[in-house]
Amino acid sequence: MEAQIEESISESSHKENRSVTAEELQSRNKKTGLMLSRKRVLEQLERSTDERYSELLRRTLADLDSQIVAIGD
């Protein structure tokens, strides 16, 4: 999943140069924020020793993934 998301970001940065609408810019910024949150949650999950907290982090990660997919390119 992470590789697909990174590939999506790379592809969008290599598209032909054209004017970016305010809506597209807002969408990109939201996606970037979600990606940063996803990375932080993943790091916390890797360090977590509390199973209940880990479960919360897994649900949060799944929610972030669904939001990223919903934004698309």
N, C-alpha and C. Protein backbone atom coordinates (compact mmCIF):
# COMPACT_ATOMS: atom_id res chain seq x y z
N MET A 1 0.83 -1.19 0.00
CA MET A 1 0.00 0.00 0.00
C MET A 1 0.88 1.25 0.00
N GLU A 2 1.88 1.26 0.83
CA GLU A 2 2.76 2.43 0.95
C GLU A 2 3.46 2.72 -0.38
N ALA A 3 3.92 1.67 -1.05
CA ALA A 3 4.59 1.84 -2.34
C ALA A 3 3.64 2.41 -3.38
N GLN A 4 2.38 1.97 -3.37
CA GLN A 4 1.40 2.48 -4.31
C GLN A 4 1.14 3.96 -4.08
N ILE A 5 1.08 4.34 -2.82
CA ILE A 5 0.81 5.74 -2.48
C ILE A 5 1.99 6.61 -2.92
N GLU A 6 3.21 6.16 -2.64
CA GLU A 6 4.38 6.92 -3.05
C GLU A 6 4.46 7.02 -4.57
N GLU A 7 4.11 5.94 -5.27
CA GLU A 7 4.11 5.95 -6.73
C GLU A 7 3.10 6.95 -7.26
N SER A 8 1.96 7.00 -6.61
CA SER A 8 0.92 7.95 -7.01
C SER A 8 1.41 9.38 -6.89
N ILE A 9 2.11 9.67 -5.82
CA ILE A 9 2.65 11.01 -5.61
C ILE A 9 3.69 11.32 -6.67
N SER A 10 4.57 10.35 -6.97
CA SER A 10 5.60 10.55 -7.98
C SER A 10 4.98 10.82 -9.35
N GLU A 11 3.96 10.05 -9.70
CA GLU A 11 3.32 10.22 -10.99
C GLU A 11 2.69 11.59 -11.11
N SER A 12 2.05 12.05 -10.04
CA SER A 12 1.39 13.35 -10.11
C SER A 12 2.40 14.48 -10.22
N SER A 13 3.61 14.29 -9.69
CA SER A 13 4.61 15.35 -9.79
C SER A 13 5.27 15.37 -11.17
N HIS A 14 5.17 14.26 -11.94
CA HIS A 14 5.78 14.19 -13.25
C HIS A 14 4.83 14.52 -14.38
N LYS A 15 3.57 14.80 -14.07
CA LYS A 15 2.61 15.14 -15.12
C LYS A 15 3.04 16.44 -15.76
N GLU A 16 2.57 16.65 -16.98
CA GLU A 16 2.98 17.84 -17.72
C GLU A 16 2.64 19.09 -16.91
N ASN A 17 3.48 20.11 -17.09
CA ASN A 17 3.28 21.37 -16.38
C ASN A 17 2.02 22.04 -16.91
N ARG A 18 1.15 22.36 -16.02
CA ARG A 18 -0.08 23.05 -16.38
C ARG A 18 -0.54 23.83 -15.17
N SER A 19 -1.48 24.68 -15.37
CA SER A 19 -2.00 25.49 -14.27
C SER A 19 -2.70 24.58 -13.27
N VAL A 20 -2.48 24.87 -12.02
CA VAL A 20 -3.10 24.08 -10.96
C VAL A 20 -4.20 24.93 -10.35
N THR A 21 -5.39 24.35 -10.30
CA THR A 21 -6.50 25.09 -9.71
C THR A 21 -6.37 25.07 -8.19
N ALA A 22 -7.08 25.96 -7.56
CA ALA A 22 -7.06 26.04 -6.10
C ALA A 22 -7.56 24.73 -5.49
N GLU A 23 -8.54 24.12 -6.14
CA GLU A 23 -9.09 22.86 -5.66
C GLU A 23 -8.05 21.74 -5.73
N GLU A 24 -7.30 21.69 -6.84
CA GLU A 24 -6.26 20.68 -6.99
C GLU A 24 -5.15 20.88 -5.96
N LEU A 25 -4.79 22.11 -5.74
CA LEU A 25 -3.76 22.42 -4.76
C LEU A 25 -4.21 22.02 -3.36
N GLN A 26 -5.44 22.31 -3.03
CA GLN A 26 -5.98 21.94 -1.73
C GLN A 26 -6.00 20.41 -1.57
N SER A 27 -6.38 19.72 -2.63
CA SER A 27 -6.41 18.26 -2.60
C SER A 27 -5.01 17.68 -2.39
N ARG A 28 -4.03 18.24 -3.11
CA ARG A 28 -2.64 17.78 -2.94
C ARG A 28 -2.14 18.02 -1.53
N ASN A 29 -2.45 19.21 -1.00
CA ASN A 29 -2.01 19.53 0.36
C ASN A 29 -2.65 18.59 1.38
N LYS A 30 -3.92 18.29 1.19
CA LYS A 30 -4.60 17.37 2.11
C LYS A 30 -3.97 15.98 2.02
N LYS A 31 -3.69 15.53 0.80
CA LYS A 31 -3.09 14.22 0.61
C LYS A 31 -1.70 14.17 1.25
N THR A 32 -0.92 15.22 1.09
CA THR A 32 0.41 15.28 1.70
C THR A 32 0.30 15.21 3.22
N GLY A 33 -0.66 15.94 3.79
CA GLY A 33 -0.87 15.89 5.23
C GLY A 33 -1.27 14.51 5.71
N LEU A 34 -2.15 13.86 4.95
CA LEU A 34 -2.56 12.50 5.31
C LEU A 34 -1.39 11.52 5.22
N MET A 35 -0.54 11.70 4.21
CA MET A 35 0.63 10.83 4.06
C MET A 35 1.59 11.00 5.24
N LEU A 36 1.79 12.24 5.67
CA LEU A 36 2.66 12.48 6.82
C LEU A 36 2.07 11.87 8.09
N SER A 37 0.76 12.00 8.25
CA SER A 37 0.09 11.39 9.40
C SER A 37 0.22 9.88 9.36
N ARG A 38 0.06 9.32 8.17
CA ARG A 38 0.18 7.86 8.01
C ARG A 38 1.57 7.39 8.40
N LYS A 39 2.58 8.12 7.98
CA LYS A 39 3.96 7.76 8.31
C LYS A 39 4.19 7.80 9.83
N ARG A 40 3.68 8.85 10.46
CA ARG A 40 3.83 8.99 11.91
C ARG A 40 3.12 7.85 12.66
N VAL A 41 1.89 7.54 12.24
CA VAL A 41 1.13 6.47 12.88
C VAL A 41 1.84 5.13 12.69
N LEU A 42 2.37 4.89 11.51
CA LEU A 42 3.08 3.65 11.24
C LEU A 42 4.31 3.52 12.14
N GLU A 43 5.04 4.61 12.32
CA GLU A 43 6.20 4.59 13.21
C GLU A 43 5.79 4.31 14.65
N GLN A 44 4.69 4.91 15.09
CA GLN A 44 4.20 4.67 16.45
C GLN A 44 3.78 3.22 16.61
N LEU A 45 3.14 2.67 15.60
CA LEU A 45 2.70 1.28 15.64
C LEU A 45 3.89 0.34 15.78
N GLU A 46 4.96 0.62 15.07
CA GLU A 46 6.15 -0.23 15.14
C GLU A 46 6.79 -0.21 16.53
N ARG A 47 6.64 0.89 17.25
CA ARG A 47 7.24 1.01 18.58
C ARG A 47 6.30 0.62 19.71
N SER A 48 5.03 0.48 19.43
CA SER A 48 4.03 0.25 20.47
C SER A 48 4.18 -1.14 21.11
N THR A 49 4.05 -1.16 22.41
CA THR A 49 4.08 -2.43 23.14
C THR A 49 2.72 -2.74 23.77
N ASP A 50 1.82 -1.78 23.78
CA ASP A 50 0.48 -1.95 24.36
C ASP A 50 -0.47 -2.40 23.26
N GLU A 51 -1.05 -3.57 23.40
CA GLU A 51 -1.90 -4.15 22.36
C GLU A 51 -3.13 -3.28 22.07
N ARG A 52 -3.73 -2.71 23.11
CA ARG A 52 -4.91 -1.86 22.88
C ARG A 52 -4.54 -0.61 22.09
N TYR A 53 -3.40 -0.03 22.41
CA TYR A 53 -2.93 1.14 21.68
C TYR A 53 -2.58 0.76 20.24
N SER A 54 -1.97 -0.40 20.07
CA SER A 54 -1.64 -0.88 18.73
C SER A 54 -2.90 -1.06 17.88
N GLU A 55 -3.95 -1.58 18.49
CA GLU A 55 -5.20 -1.76 17.76
C GLU A 55 -5.78 -0.41 17.35
N LEU A 56 -5.72 0.57 18.23
CA LEU A 56 -6.17 1.91 17.90
C LEU A 56 -5.36 2.47 16.72
N LEU A 57 -4.06 2.27 16.76
CA LEU A 57 -3.20 2.75 15.68
C LEU A 57 -3.52 2.04 14.36
N ARG A 58 -3.81 0.74 14.41
CA ARG A 58 -4.17 0.00 13.19
C ARG A 58 -5.47 0.54 12.59
N ARG A 59 -6.44 0.84 13.44
CA ARG A 59 -7.70 1.41 12.95
C ARG A 59 -7.47 2.80 12.35
N THR A 60 -6.62 3.57 13.01
CA THR A 60 -6.29 4.90 12.51
C THR A 60 -5.60 4.80 11.17
N LEU A 61 -4.69 3.86 11.04
CA LEU A 61 -3.96 3.64 9.78
C LEU A 61 -4.94 3.26 8.66
N ALA A 62 -5.88 2.39 8.97
CA ALA A 62 -6.87 1.98 7.97
C ALA A 62 -7.72 3.18 7.54
N ASP A 63 -8.09 4.03 8.50
CA ASP A 63 -8.87 5.21 8.17
C ASP A 63 -8.08 6.18 7.29
N LEU A 64 -6.83 6.38 7.63
CA LEU A 64 -5.97 7.25 6.82
C LEU A 64 -5.83 6.70 5.40
N ASP A 65 -5.64 5.40 5.28
CA ASP A 65 -5.53 4.77 3.96
C ASP A 65 -6.79 4.99 3.13
N SER A 66 -7.94 4.85 3.76
CA SER A 66 -9.19 5.03 3.02
C SER A 66 -9.37 6.49 2.60
N GLN A 67 -8.94 7.43 3.44
CA GLN A 67 -9.01 8.84 3.06
C GLN A 67 -8.07 9.17 1.90
N ILE A 68 -6.87 8.57 1.93
CA ILE A 68 -5.91 8.79 0.85
C ILE A 68 -6.43 8.24 -0.47
N VAL A 69 -7.03 7.05 -0.42
CA VAL A 69 -7.59 6.44 -1.63
C VAL A 69 -8.76 7.29 -2.14
N ALA A 70 -9.56 7.82 -1.23
CA ALA A 70 -10.72 8.63 -1.63
C ALA A 70 -10.30 9.91 -2.35
N ILE A 71 -9.16 10.46 -1.96
CA ILE A 71 -8.67 11.68 -2.61
C ILE A 71 -8.21 11.36 -4.02
N GLY A 72 -7.57 10.19 -4.18
CA GLY A 72 -7.09 9.79 -5.50
C GLY A 72 -5.94 10.65 -5.96
N ASP A 73 -5.86 10.89 -7.26
CA ASP A 73 -4.75 11.69 -7.83
C ASP A 73 -5.10 13.14 -7.85
